[in-house]
PDB file of all heavy atoms in Angstrom:
ATOM      1  N   LYS A   1     -22.027   3.472  95.235  1.00  0.00           N
ATOM      2  CA  LYS A   1     -20.568   3.524  95.346  1.00  0.00           C
ATOM      3  C   LYS A   1     -19.911   2.616  94.304  1.00  0.00           C
ATOM      4  O   LYS A   1     -20.313   1.468  94.111  1.00  0.00           O
ATOM      5  CB  LYS A   1     -20.133   3.104  96.757  1.00  0.00           C
ATOM      6  CG  LYS A   1     -18.647   3.312  96.982  1.00  0.00           C
ATOM      7  CD  LYS A   1     -18.247   3.128  98.422  1.00  0.00           C
ATOM      8  CE  LYS A   1     -16.772   3.458  98.626  1.00  0.00           C
ATOM      9  NZ  LYS A   1     -16.350   3.325 100.020  1.00  0.00           N
ATOM     10  N   ASN A   2     -18.913   3.152  93.614  1.00  0.00           N
ATOM     11  CA  ASN A   2     -18.124   2.442  92.594  1.00  0.00           C
ATOM     12  C   ASN A   2     -18.923   2.061  91.346  1.00  0.00           C
ATOM     13  O   ASN A   2     -18.409   1.368  90.460  1.00  0.00           O
ATOM     14  CB  ASN A   2     -17.476   1.157  93.165  1.00  0.00           C
ATOM     15  CG  ASN A   2     -16.601   1.454  94.369  1.00  0.00           C
ATOM     16  OD1 ASN A   2     -15.958   2.495  94.434  1.00  0.00           O
ATOM     17  ND2 ASN A   2     -16.587   0.546  95.337  1.00  0.00           N
ATOM     18  N   GLU A   3     -20.185   2.509  91.272  1.00  0.00           N
ATOM     19  CA  GLU A   3     -21.047   2.065  90.163  1.00  0.00           C
ATOM     20  C   GLU A   3     -20.555   2.562  88.815  1.00  0.00           C
ATOM     21  O   GLU A   3     -20.598   1.829  87.825  1.00  0.00           O
ATOM     22  CB  GLU A   3     -22.484   2.538  90.396  1.00  0.00           C
ATOM     23  CG  GLU A   3     -23.445   2.081  89.320  1.00  0.00           C
ATOM     24  CD  GLU A   3     -24.893   2.293  89.692  1.00  0.00           C
ATOM     25  OE1 GLU A   3     -25.177   3.115  90.596  1.00  0.00           O
ATOM     26  OE2 GLU A   3     -25.755   1.656  89.086  1.00  0.00           O
ATOM     27  N   PHE A   4     -20.071   3.777  88.745  1.00  0.00           N
ATOM     28  CA  PHE A   4     -19.636   4.346  87.472  1.00  0.00           C
ATOM     29  C   PHE A   4     -18.548   3.470  86.848  1.00  0.00           C
ATOM     30  O   PHE A   4     -18.648   3.063  85.686  1.00  0.00           O
ATOM     31  CB  PHE A   4     -19.125   5.766  87.700  1.00  0.00           C
ATOM     32  CG  PHE A   4     -18.773   6.510  86.439  1.00  0.00           C
ATOM     33  CD1 PHE A   4     -19.723   6.753  85.466  1.00  0.00           C
ATOM     34  CD2 PHE A   4     -17.483   6.985  86.247  1.00  0.00           C
ATOM     35  CE1 PHE A   4     -19.403   7.459  84.303  1.00  0.00           C
ATOM     36  CE2 PHE A   4     -17.155   7.694  85.095  1.00  0.00           C
ATOM     37  CZ  PHE A   4     -18.123   7.927  84.118  1.00  0.00           C
ATOM     38  N   GLU A   5     -17.542   3.125  87.649  1.00  0.00           N
ATOM     39  CA  GLU A   5     -16.417   2.328  87.136  1.00  0.00           C
ATOM     40  C   GLU A   5     -16.852   0.896  86.809  1.00  0.00           C
ATOM     41  O   GLU A   5     -16.470   0.334  85.777  1.00  0.00           O
ATOM     42  CB  GLU A   5     -15.277   2.292  88.164  1.00  0.00           C
ATOM     43  CG  GLU A   5     -14.629   3.651  88.463  1.00  0.00           C
ATOM     44  CD  GLU A   5     -15.474   4.529  89.386  1.00  0.00           C
ATOM     45  OE1 GLU A   5     -16.407   3.989  90.046  1.00  0.00           O
ATOM     46  OE2 GLU A   5     -15.202   5.749  89.457  1.00  0.00           O
ATOM     47  N   GLU A   6     -17.670   0.311  87.688  1.00  0.00           N
ATOM     48  CA  GLU A   6     -18.082  -1.086  87.503  1.00  0.00           C
ATOM     49  C   GLU A   6     -18.972  -1.257  86.276  1.00  0.00           C
ATOM     50  O   GLU A   6     -18.828  -2.222  85.518  1.00  0.00           O
ATOM     51  CB  GLU A   6     -18.804  -1.592  88.758  1.00  0.00           C
ATOM     52  CG  GLU A   6     -17.867  -1.773  89.952  1.00  0.00           C
ATOM     53  CD  GLU A   6     -18.617  -2.053  91.243  1.00  0.00           C
ATOM     54  OE1 GLU A   6     -19.874  -2.104  91.203  1.00  0.00           O
ATOM     55  OE2 GLU A   6     -17.961  -2.228  92.282  1.00  0.00           O
ATOM     56  N   VAL A   7     -19.883  -0.307  86.065  1.00  0.00           N
ATOM     57  CA  VAL A   7     -20.784  -0.409  84.915  1.00  0.00           C
ATOM     58  C   VAL A   7     -20.011  -0.221  83.607  1.00  0.00           C
ATOM     59  O   VAL A   7     -20.226  -0.954  82.630  1.00  0.00           O
ATOM     60  CB  VAL A   7     -21.933   0.619  85.041  1.00  0.00           C
ATOM     61  CG1 VAL A   7     -22.695   0.749  83.724  1.00  0.00           C
ATOM     62  CG2 VAL A   7     -22.888   0.210  86.149  1.00  0.00           C
ATOM     63  N   LEU A   8     -19.099   0.732  83.577  1.00  0.00           N
ATOM     64  CA  LEU A   8     -18.284   0.925  82.373  1.00  0.00           C
ATOM     65  C   LEU A   8     -17.472  -0.328  82.042  1.00  0.00           C
ATOM     66  O   LEU A   8     -17.302  -0.687  80.874  1.00  0.00           O
ATOM     67  CB  LEU A   8     -17.350   2.131  82.541  1.00  0.00           C
ATOM     68  CG  LEU A   8     -17.992   3.511  82.384  1.00  0.00           C
ATOM     69  CD1 LEU A   8     -16.991   4.606  82.722  1.00  0.00           C
ATOM     70  CD2 LEU A   8     -18.558   3.701  80.971  1.00  0.00           C
ATOM     71  N   LYS A   9     -17.022  -1.000  83.080  1.00  0.00           N
ATOM     72  CA  LYS A   9     -16.258  -2.240  82.877  1.00  0.00           C
ATOM     73  C   LYS A   9     -17.137  -3.312  82.225  1.00  0.00           C
ATOM     74  O   LYS A   9     -16.717  -4.015  81.306  1.00  0.00           O
ATOM     75  CB  LYS A   9     -15.724  -2.730  84.234  1.00  0.00           C
ATOM     76  CG  LYS A   9     -14.842  -3.960  84.148  1.00  0.00           C
ATOM     77  CD  LYS A   9     -14.338  -4.342  85.528  1.00  0.00           C
ATOM     78  CE  LYS A   9     -13.515  -5.635  85.476  1.00  0.00           C
ATOM     79  NZ  LYS A   9     -13.082  -6.065  86.836  1.00  0.00           N
ATOM     80  N   ILE A  10     -18.378  -3.432  82.678  1.00  0.00           N
ATOM     81  CA  ILE A  10     -19.296  -4.417  82.089  1.00  0.00           C
ATOM     82  C   ILE A  10     -19.622  -4.044  80.643  1.00  0.00           C
ATOM     83  O   ILE A  10     -19.661  -4.905  79.752  1.00  0.00           O
ATOM     84  CB  ILE A  10     -20.589  -4.541  82.929  1.00  0.00           C
ATOM     85  CG1 ILE A  10     -20.273  -5.202  84.281  1.00  0.00           C
ATOM     86  CG2 ILE A  10     -21.662  -5.352  82.194  1.00  0.00           C
ATOM     87  CD1 ILE A  10     -21.446  -5.263  85.246  1.00  0.00           C
ATOM     88  N   TYR A  11     -19.834  -2.757  80.386  1.00  0.00           N
ATOM     89  CA  TYR A  11     -20.113  -2.333  79.015  1.00  0.00           C
ATOM     90  C   TYR A  11     -18.946  -2.701  78.090  1.00  0.00           C
ATOM     91  O   TYR A  11     -19.153  -3.119  76.944  1.00  0.00           O
ATOM     92  CB  TYR A  11     -20.342  -0.824  78.961  1.00  0.00           C
ATOM     93  CG  TYR A  11     -21.682  -0.374  79.519  1.00  0.00           C
ATOM     94  CD1 TYR A  11     -21.849   0.927  79.988  1.00  0.00           C
ATOM     95  CD2 TYR A  11     -22.777  -1.231  79.570  1.00  0.00           C
ATOM     96  CE1 TYR A  11     -23.077   1.360  80.487  1.00  0.00           C
ATOM     97  CE2 TYR A  11     -23.995  -0.808  80.073  1.00  0.00           C
ATOM     98  CZ  TYR A  11     -24.139   0.475  80.535  1.00  0.00           C
ATOM     99  OH  TYR A  11     -25.343   0.895  81.031  1.00  0.00           O
ATOM    100  N   LYS A  12     -17.735  -2.559  78.610  1.00  0.00           N
ATOM    101  CA  LYS A  12     -16.559  -2.914  77.807  1.00  0.00           C
ATOM    102  C   LYS A  12     -16.534  -4.411  77.523  1.00  0.00           C
ATOM    103  O   LYS A  12     -16.241  -4.848  76.404  1.00  0.00           O
ATOM    104  CB  LYS A  12     -15.288  -2.489  78.546  1.00  0.00           C
ATOM    105  CG  LYS A  12     -14.023  -2.619  77.706  1.00  0.00           C
ATOM    106  CD  LYS A  12     -12.818  -2.030  78.421  1.00  0.00           C
ATOM    107  CE  LYS A  12     -11.579  -2.121  77.542  1.00  0.00           C
ATOM    108  NZ  LYS A  12     -10.366  -1.556  78.224  1.00  0.00           N
ATOM    109  N   GLN A  13     -16.872  -5.214  78.554  1.00  0.00           N
ATOM    110  CA  GLN A  13     -16.920  -6.673  78.379  1.00  0.00           C
ATOM    111  C   GLN A  13     -17.950  -7.065  77.311  1.00  0.00           C
ATOM    112  O   GLN A  13     -17.757  -8.036  76.573  1.00  0.00           O
ATOM    113  CB  GLN A  13     -17.280  -7.358  79.699  1.00  0.00           C
ATOM    114  CG  GLN A  13     -16.185  -7.297  80.761  1.00  0.00           C
ATOM    115  CD  GLN A  13     -16.682  -7.782  82.127  1.00  0.00           C
ATOM    116  OE1 GLN A  13     -17.843  -8.160  82.291  1.00  0.00           O
ATOM    117  NE2 GLN A  13     -15.802  -7.762  83.112  1.00  0.00           N
ATOM    118  N   LEU A  14     -19.056  -6.326  77.262  1.00  0.00           N
ATOM    119  CA  LEU A  14     -20.114  -6.625  76.290  1.00  0.00           C
ATOM    120  C   LEU A  14     -19.782  -6.103  74.897  1.00  0.00           C
ATOM    121  O   LEU A  14     -20.527  -6.358  73.943  1.00  0.00           O
ATOM    122  CB  LEU A  14     -21.445  -6.010  76.752  1.00  0.00           C
ATOM    123  CG  LEU A  14     -22.061  -6.621  78.015  1.00  0.00           C
ATOM    124  CD1 LEU A  14     -23.232  -5.765  78.506  1.00  0.00           C
ATOM    125  CD2 LEU A  14     -22.530  -8.051  77.743  1.00  0.00           C
ATOM    126  N   GLY A  15     -18.683  -5.370  74.794  1.00  0.00           N
ATOM    127  CA  GLY A  15     -18.273  -4.840  73.489  1.00  0.00           C
ATOM    128  C   GLY A  15     -19.021  -3.603  73.060  1.00  0.00           C
ATOM    129  O   GLY A  15     -18.971  -3.214  71.891  1.00  0.00           O
ATOM    130  N   LEU A  16     -19.717  -2.964  74.003  1.00  0.00           N
ATOM    131  CA  LEU A  16     -20.499  -1.776  73.658  1.00  0.00           C
ATOM    132  C   LEU A  16     -19.604  -0.552  73.527  1.00  0.00           C
ATOM    133  O   LEU A  16     -18.627  -0.392  74.253  1.00  0.00           O
ATOM    134  CB  LEU A  16     -21.568  -1.517  74.721  1.00  0.00           C
ATOM    135  CG  LEU A  16     -22.612  -2.610  74.931  1.00  0.00           C
ATOM    136  CD1 LEU A  16     -23.590  -2.197  76.019  1.00  0.00           C
ATOM    137  CD2 LEU A  16     -23.358  -2.912  73.631  1.00  0.00           C
ATOM    138  N   ASN A  17     -19.961   0.323  72.605  1.00  0.00           N
ATOM    139  CA  ASN A  17     -19.228   1.552  72.346  1.00  0.00           C
ATOM    140  C   ASN A  17     -19.823   2.648  73.242  1.00  0.00           C
ATOM    141  O   ASN A  17     -20.758   3.345  72.852  1.00  0.00           O
ATOM    142  CB  ASN A  17     -19.375   1.903  70.855  1.00  0.00           C
ATOM    143  CG  ASN A  17     -18.724   3.214  70.484  1.00  0.00           C
ATOM    144  OD1 ASN A  17     -17.815   3.683  71.178  1.00  0.00           O
ATOM    145  ND2 ASN A  17     -19.199   3.822  69.410  1.00  0.00           N
ATOM    146  N   VAL A  18     -19.291   2.770  74.468  1.00  0.00           N
ATOM    147  CA  VAL A  18     -19.890   3.666  75.456  1.00  0.00           C
ATOM    148  C   VAL A  18     -18.845   4.647  75.983  1.00  0.00           C
ATOM    149  O   VAL A  18     -17.725   4.268  76.329  1.00  0.00           O
ATOM    150  CB  VAL A  18     -20.467   2.867  76.661  1.00  0.00           C
ATOM    151  CG1 VAL A  18     -21.065   3.813  77.697  1.00  0.00           C
ATOM    152  CG2 VAL A  18     -21.525   1.883  76.177  1.00  0.00           C
ATOM    153  N   LYS A  19     -19.249   5.900  76.073  1.00  0.00           N
ATOM    154  CA  LYS A  19     -18.392   6.937  76.666  1.00  0.00           C
ATOM    155  C   LYS A  19     -18.908   7.267  78.060  1.00  0.00           C
ATOM    156  O   LYS A  19     -20.084   7.568  78.244  1.00  0.00           O
ATOM    157  CB  LYS A  19     -18.411   8.204  75.796  1.00  0.00           C
ATOM    158  CG  LYS A  19     -17.567   9.349  76.378  1.00  0.00           C
ATOM    159  CD  LYS A  19     -17.638  10.589  75.495  1.00  0.00           C
ATOM    160  CE  LYS A  19     -16.797  11.729  76.071  1.00  0.00           C
ATOM    161  NZ  LYS A  19     -16.875  12.940  75.219  1.00  0.00           N
ATOM    162  N   GLY A  20     -18.030   7.202  79.055  1.00  0.00           N
ATOM    163  CA  GLY A  20     -18.392   7.594  80.414  1.00  0.00           C
ATOM    164  C   GLY A  20     -18.101   9.075  80.627  1.00  0.00           C
ATOM    165  O   GLY A  20     -17.038   9.563  80.247  1.00  0.00           O
ATOM    166  N   VAL A  21     -19.057   9.795  81.218  1.00  0.00           N
ATOM    167  CA  VAL A  21     -18.906  11.239  81.431  1.00  0.00           C
ATOM    168  C   VAL A  21     -19.040  11.534  82.930  1.00  0.00           C
ATOM    169  O   VAL A  21     -20.102  11.304  83.520  1.00  0.00           O
ATOM    170  CB  VAL A  21     -19.976  12.036  80.654  1.00  0.00           C
ATOM    171  CG1 VAL A  21     -19.766  13.534  80.861  1.00  0.00           C
ATOM    172  CG2 VAL A  21     -19.945  11.684  79.169  1.00  0.00           C
ATOM    173  N   ASP A  22     -17.964  12.019  83.531  1.00  0.00           N
ATOM    174  CA  ASP A  22     -17.999  12.395  84.952  1.00  0.00           C
ATOM    175  C   ASP A  22     -18.566  13.811  85.064  1.00  0.00           C
ATOM    176  O   ASP A  22     -17.903  14.793  84.766  1.00  0.00           O
ATOM    177  CB  ASP A  22     -16.581  12.339  85.543  1.00  0.00           C
ATOM    178  CG  ASP A  22     -16.557  12.676  87.038  1.00  0.00           C
ATOM    179  OD1 ASP A  22     -17.583  13.158  87.553  1.00  0.00           O
ATOM    180  OD2 ASP A  22     -15.519  12.456  87.681  1.00  0.00           O
ATOM    181  N   ALA A  23     -19.849  13.885  85.494  1.00  0.00           N
ATOM    182  CA  ALA A  23     -20.514  15.195  85.579  1.00  0.00           C
ATOM    183  C   ALA A  23     -20.994  15.480  86.995  1.00  0.00           C
ATOM    184  O   ALA A  23     -21.946  16.237  87.195  1.00  0.00           O
ATOM    185  CB  ALA A  23     -21.678  15.233  84.592  1.00  0.00           C
ATOM    186  N   LYS A  24     -20.321  14.892  87.957  1.00  0.00           N
ATOM    187  CA  LYS A  24     -20.763  15.050  89.355  1.00  0.00           C
ATOM    188  C   LYS A  24     -20.894  16.517  89.752  1.00  0.00           C
ATOM    189  O   LYS A  24     -21.903  16.922  90.340  1.00  0.00           O
ATOM    190  CB  LYS A  24     -19.771  14.335  90.300  1.00  0.00           C
ATOM    191  CG  LYS A  24     -19.794  12.828  90.222  1.00  0.00           C
ATOM    192  CD  LYS A  24     -19.063  12.187  91.375  1.00  0.00           C
ATOM    193  CE  LYS A  24     -17.559  12.332  91.268  1.00  0.00           C
ATOM    194  NZ  LYS A  24     -16.990  11.442  90.231  1.00  0.00           N
ATOM    195  N   GLU A  25     -19.879  17.306  89.452  1.00  0.00           N
ATOM    196  CA  GLU A  25     -19.899  18.701  89.894  1.00  0.00           C
ATOM    197  C   GLU A  25     -21.042  19.491  89.251  1.00  0.00           C
ATOM    198  O   GLU A  25     -21.630  20.368  89.880  1.00  0.00           O
ATOM    199  CB  GLU A  25     -18.545  19.374  89.582  1.00  0.00           C
ATOM    200  CG  GLU A  25     -17.372  18.772  90.348  1.00  0.00           C
ATOM    201  CD  GLU A  25     -17.628  18.701  91.849  1.00  0.00           C
ATOM    202  OE1 GLU A  25     -18.197  19.657  92.419  1.00  0.00           O
ATOM    203  OE2 GLU A  25     -17.270  17.669  92.465  1.00  0.00           O
ATOM    204  N   HIS A  26     -21.361  19.176  88.011  1.00  0.00           N
ATOM    205  CA  HIS A  26     -22.479  19.826  87.322  1.00  0.00           C
ATOM    206  C   HIS A  26     -23.783  19.588  88.088  1.00  0.00           C
ATOM    207  O   HIS A  26     -24.580  20.511  88.303  1.00  0.00           O
ATOM    208  CB  HIS A  26     -22.597  19.289  85.894  1.00  0.00           C
ATOM    209  CG  HIS A  26     -23.749  19.850  85.112  1.00  0.00           C
ATOM    210  ND1 HIS A  26     -23.721  21.101  84.538  1.00  0.00           N
ATOM    211  CD2 HIS A  26     -24.971  19.324  84.815  1.00  0.00           C
ATOM    212  CE1 HIS A  26     -24.879  21.326  83.926  1.00  0.00           C
ATOM    213  NE2 HIS A  26     -25.654  20.267  84.075  1.00  0.00           N
ATOM    214  N   PHE A  27     -23.978  18.340  88.512  1.00  0.00           N
ATOM    215  CA  PHE A  27     -25.209  17.997  89.222  1.00  0.00           C
ATOM    216  C   PHE A  27     -25.231  18.591  90.638  1.00  0.00           C
ATOM    217  O   PHE A  27     -26.270  19.076  91.088  1.00  0.00           O
ATOM    218  CB  PHE A  27     -25.391  16.477  89.268  1.00  0.00           C
ATOM    219  CG  PHE A  27     -25.862  15.892  87.970  1.00  0.00           C
ATOM    220  CD1 PHE A  27     -24.955  15.513  86.989  1.00  0.00           C
ATOM    221  CD2 PHE A  27     -27.210  15.737  87.707  1.00  0.00           C
ATOM    222  CE1 PHE A  27     -25.387  14.976  85.778  1.00  0.00           C
ATOM    223  CE2 PHE A  27     -27.657  15.208  86.508  1.00  0.00           C
ATOM    224  CZ  PHE A  27     -26.741  14.821  85.540  1.00  0.00           C
ATOM    225  N   TYR A  28     -24.095  18.521  91.318  1.00  0.00           N
ATOM    226  CA  TYR A  28     -24.064  19.075  92.680  1.00  0.00           C
ATOM    227  C   TYR A  28     -24.381  20.575  92.675  1.00  0.00           C
ATOM    228  O   TYR A  28     -25.057  21.079  93.577  1.00  0.00           O
ATOM    229  CB  TYR A  28     -22.694  18.839  93.330  1.00  0.00           C
ATOM    230  CG  TYR A  28     -22.409  17.384  93.657  1.00  0.00           C
ATOM    231  CD1 TYR A  28     -21.098  16.888  93.662  1.00  0.00           C
ATOM    232  CD2 TYR A  28     -23.432  16.496  93.957  1.00  0.00           C
ATOM    233  CE1 TYR A  28     -20.825  15.566  93.957  1.00  0.00           C
ATOM    234  CE2 TYR A  28     -23.171  15.167  94.245  1.00  0.00           C
ATOM    235  CZ  TYR A  28     -21.854  14.703  94.244  1.00  0.00           C
ATOM    236  OH  TYR A  28     -21.590  13.391  94.537  1.00  0.00           O
ATOM    237  N   SER A  29     -23.909  21.275  91.635  1.00  0.00           N
ATOM    238  CA  SER A  29     -24.192  22.712  91.573  1.00  0.00           C
ATOM    239  C   SER A  29     -25.686  22.958  91.309  1.00  0.00           C
ATOM    240  O   SER A  29     -26.277  23.898  91.838  1.00  0.00           O
ATOM    241  CB  SER A  29     -23.335  23.394  90.504  1.00  0.00           C
ATOM    242  OG  SER A  29     -23.693  22.928  89.214  1.00  0.00           O
ATOM    243  N   LYS A  30     -26.303  22.111  90.490  1.00  0.00           N
ATOM    244  CA  LYS A  30     -27.742  22.261  90.205  1.00  0.00           C
ATOM    245  C   LYS A  30     -28.594  21.915  91.436  1.00  0.00           C
ATOM    246  O   LYS A  30     -29.697  22.437  91.615  1.00  0.00           O
ATOM    247  CB  LYS A  30     -28.157  21.356  89.037  1.00  0.00           C
ATOM    248  CG  LYS A  30     -27.695  21.836  87.674  1.00  0.00           C
ATOM    249  CD  LYS A  30     -28.205  20.948  86.563  1.00  0.00           C
ATOM    250  CE  LYS A  30     -29.681  21.080  86.338  1.00  0.00           C
ATOM    251  NZ  LYS A  30     -30.090  22.325  85.674  1.00  0.00           N
ATOM    252  N   LEU A  31     -28.071  21.016  92.281  1.00  0.00           N
ATOM    253  CA  LEU A  31     -28.835  20.550  93.445  1.00  0.00           C
ATOM    254  C   LEU A  31     -28.617  21.417  94.680  1.00  0.00           C
ATOM    255  O   LEU A  31     -29.365  21.282  95.668  1.00  0.00           O
ATOM    256  CB  LEU A  31     -28.442  19.101  93.769  1.00  0.00           C
ATOM    257  CG  LEU A  31     -28.954  18.043  92.781  1.00  0.00           C
ATOM    258  CD1 LEU A  31     -28.189  16.740  92.954  1.00  0.00           C
ATOM    259  CD2 LEU A  31     -30.455  17.813  92.973  1.00  0.00           C
ATOM    260  N   ALA A  32     -27.623  22.258  94.646  1.00  0.00           N
ATOM    261  CA  ALA A  32     -27.279  23.064  95.830  1.00  0.00           C
ATOM    262  C   ALA A  32     -28.486  23.856  96.327  1.00  0.00           C
ATOM    263  O   ALA A  32     -29.167  24.542  95.556  1.00  0.00           O
ATOM    264  CB  ALA A  32     -26.133  24.011  95.496  1.00  0.00           C
ATOM    265  N   GLY A  33     -28.772  23.718  97.616  1.00  0.00           N
ATOM    266  CA  GLY A  33     -29.852  24.477  98.248  1.00  0.00           C
ATOM    267  C   GLY A  33     -31.243  23.906  98.052  1.00  0.00           C
ATOM    268  O   GLY A  33     -32.205  24.393  98.637  1.00  0.00           O
ATOM    269  N   LYS A  34     -31.384  22.864  97.242  1.00  0.00           N
ATOM    270  CA  LYS A  34     -32.710  22.285  96.983  1.00  0.00           C
ATOM    271  C   LYS A  34     -33.036  21.203  98.016  1.00  0.00           C
ATOM    272  O   LYS A  34     -32.241  20.290  98.236  1.00  0.00           O
ATOM    273  CB  LYS A  34     -32.781  21.708  95.570  1.00  0.00           C
ATOM    274  CG  LYS A  34     -32.765  22.786  94.493  1.00  0.00           C
ATOM    275  CD  LYS A  34     -32.903  22.192  93.100  1.00  0.00           C
ATOM    276  CE  LYS A  34     -33.126  23.271  92.052  1.00  0.00           C
ATOM    277  NZ  LYS A  34     -32.075  24.272  91.995  1.00  0.00           N
ATOM    278  N   THR A  35     -34.225  21.289  98.601  1.00  0.00           N
ATOM    279  CA  THR A  35     -34.660  20.293  99.597  1.00  0.00           C
ATOM    280  C   THR A  35     -35.974  19.622  99.205  1.00  0.00           C
ATOM    281  O   THR A  35     -36.283  18.527  99.672  1.00  0.00           O
ATOM    282  CB  THR A  35     -34.857  20.948 100.976  1.00  0.00           C
ATOM    283  OG1 THR A  35     -35.804  21.999 100.862  1.00  0.00           O
ATOM    284  CG2 THR A  35     -33.529  21.516 101.494  1.00  0.00           C
ATOM    285  N   ASP A  36     -36.760  20.275  98.328  1.00  0.00           N
ATOM    286  CA  ASP A  36     -38.039  19.696  97.911  1.00  0.00           C
ATOM    287  C   ASP A  36     -37.785  18.505  96.977  1.00  0.00           C
ATOM    288  O   ASP A  36     -37.019  18.615  96.004  1.00  0.00           O
ATOM    289  CB  ASP A  36     -38.857  20.756  97.173  1.00  0.00           C
ATOM    290  CG  ASP A  36     -40.183  20.203  96.671  1.00  0.00           C
ATOM    291  OD1 ASP A  36     -41.090  20.005  97.498  1.00  0.00           O
ATOM    292  OD2 ASP A  36     -40.289  19.929  95.454  1.00  0.00           O
ATOM    293  N   PRO A  37     -38.415  17.341  97.238  1.00  0.00           N
ATOM    294  CA  PRO A  37     -38.159  16.138  96.422  1.00  0.00           C
ATOM    295  C   PRO A  37     -38.393  16.350  94.928  1.00  0.00           C
ATOM    296  O   PRO A  37     -37.598  15.904  94.104  1.00  0.00           O
ATOM    297  CB  PRO A  37     -39.141  15.116  96.993  1.00  0.00           C
ATOM    298  CG  PRO A  37     -39.433  15.576  98.369  1.00  0.00           C
ATOM    299  CD  PRO A  37     -39.339  17.058  98.345  1.00  0.00           C
ATOM    300  N   GLU A  38     -39.485  17.049  94.584  1.00  0.00           N
ATOM    301  CA  GLU A  38     -39.797  17.238  93.163  1.00  0.00           C
ATOM    302  C   GLU A  38     -38.776  18.160  92.505  1.00  0.00           C
ATOM    303  O   GLU A  38     -38.385  17.946  91.346  1.00  0.00           O
ATOM    304  CB  GLU A  38     -41.214  17.805  93.022  1.00  0.00           C
ATOM    305  CG  GLU A  38     -41.814  17.614  91.636  1.00  0.00           C
ATOM    306  CD  GLU A  38     -41.805  16.164  91.143  1.00  0.00           C
ATOM    307  OE1 GLU A  38     -41.969  15.238  91.965  1.00  0.00           O
ATOM    308  OE2 GLU A  38     -41.588  15.969  89.927  1.00  0.00           O
ATOM    309  N   GLU A  39     -38.320  19.168  93.233  1.00  0.00           N
ATOM    310  CA  GLU A  39     -37.282  20.056  92.678  1.00  0.00           C
ATOM    311  C   GLU A  39     -35.985  19.290  92.446  1.00  0.00           C
ATOM    312  O   GLU A  39     -35.283  19.515  91.451  1.00  0.00           O
ATOM    313  CB  GLU A  39     -37.035  21.224  93.636  1.00  0.00           C
ATOM    314  CG  GLU A  39     -38.103  22.300  93.592  1.00  0.00           C
ATOM    315  CD  GLU A  39     -37.716  23.527  94.424  1.00  0.00           C
ATOM    316  OE1 GLU A  39     -36.526  23.646  94.791  1.00  0.00           O
ATOM    317  OE2 GLU A  39     -38.610  24.342  94.704  1.00  0.00           O
ATOM    318  N   LYS A  40     -35.656  18.393  93.370  1.00  0.00           N
ATOM    319  CA  LYS A  40     -34.437  17.595  93.206  1.00  0.00           C
ATOM    320  C   LYS A  40     -34.564  16.676  91.985  1.00  0.00           C
ATOM    321  O   LYS A  40     -33.619  16.548  91.198  1.00  0.00           O
ATOM    322  CB  LYS A  40     -34.159  16.779  94.475  1.00  0.00           C
ATOM    323  CG  LYS A  40     -33.751  17.645  95.661  1.00  0.00           C
ATOM    324  CD  LYS A  40     -33.157  16.835  96.806  1.00  0.00           C
ATOM    325  CE  LYS A  40     -34.151  15.954  97.492  1.00  0.00           C
ATOM    326  NZ  LYS A  40     -33.572  15.236  98.635  1.00  0.00           N
ATOM    327  N   ARG A  41     -35.717  16.037  91.848  1.00  0.00           N
ATOM    328  CA  ARG A  41     -35.943  15.163  90.694  1.00  0.00           C
ATOM    329  C   ARG A  41     -35.785  15.930  89.380  1.00  0.00           C
ATOM    330  O   ARG A  41     -35.136  15.470  88.443  1.00  0.00           O
ATOM    331  CB  ARG A  41     -37.356  14.556  90.753  1.00  0.00           C
ATOM    332  CG  ARG A  41     -37.513  13.432  91.758  1.00  0.00           C
ATOM    333  CD  ARG A  41     -38.954  12.953  91.796  1.00  0.00           C
ATOM    334  NE  ARG A  41     -39.155  11.891  92.743  1.00  0.00           N
ATOM    335  CZ  ARG A  41     -39.011  10.597  92.486  1.00  0.00           C
ATOM    336  NH1 ARG A  41     -38.650  10.213  91.277  1.00  0.00           N
ATOM    337  NH2 ARG A  41     -39.207   9.682  93.417  1.00  0.00           N
ATOM    338  N   LYS A  42     -36.404  17.120  89.344  1.00  0.00           N
ATOM    339  CA  LYS A  42     -36.330  17.931  88.121  1.00  0.00           C
ATOM    340  C   LYS A  42     -34.898  18.386  87.834  1.00  0.00           C
ATOM    341  O   LYS A  42     -34.470  18.407  86.674  1.00  0.00           O
ATOM    342  CB  LYS A  42     -37.253  19.143  88.244  1.00  0.00           C
ATOM    343  CG  LYS A  42     -38.732  18.786  88.096  1.00  0.00           C
ATOM    344  CD  LYS A  42     -39.619  20.006  88.290  1.00  0.00           C
ATOM    345  CE  LYS A  42     -41.100  19.633  88.132  1.00  0.00           C
ATOM    346  NZ  LYS A  42     -41.988  20.761  88.472  1.00  0.00           N
ATOM    347  N   ALA A  43     -34.160  18.734  88.889  1.00  0.00           N
ATOM    348  CA  ALA A  43     -32.776  19.168  88.703  1.00  0.00           C
ATOM    349  C   ALA A  43     -31.917  18.032  88.143  1.00  0.00           C
ATOM    350  O   ALA A  43     -31.089  18.237  87.246  1.00  0.00           O
ATOM    351  CB  ALA A  43     -32.200  19.669  90.030  1.00  0.00           C
TER     352      ALA A  43
END
């Protein structure tokens, strides 16, 4: 929880040139219906 925002904030403090990409929906669609652990890892 809140990791995406908090990590980007630390990267900014360190002066790193980092782009944050919100791809939650992409992953949720790939994971839909999958229950096997290895399939989830691969997805």
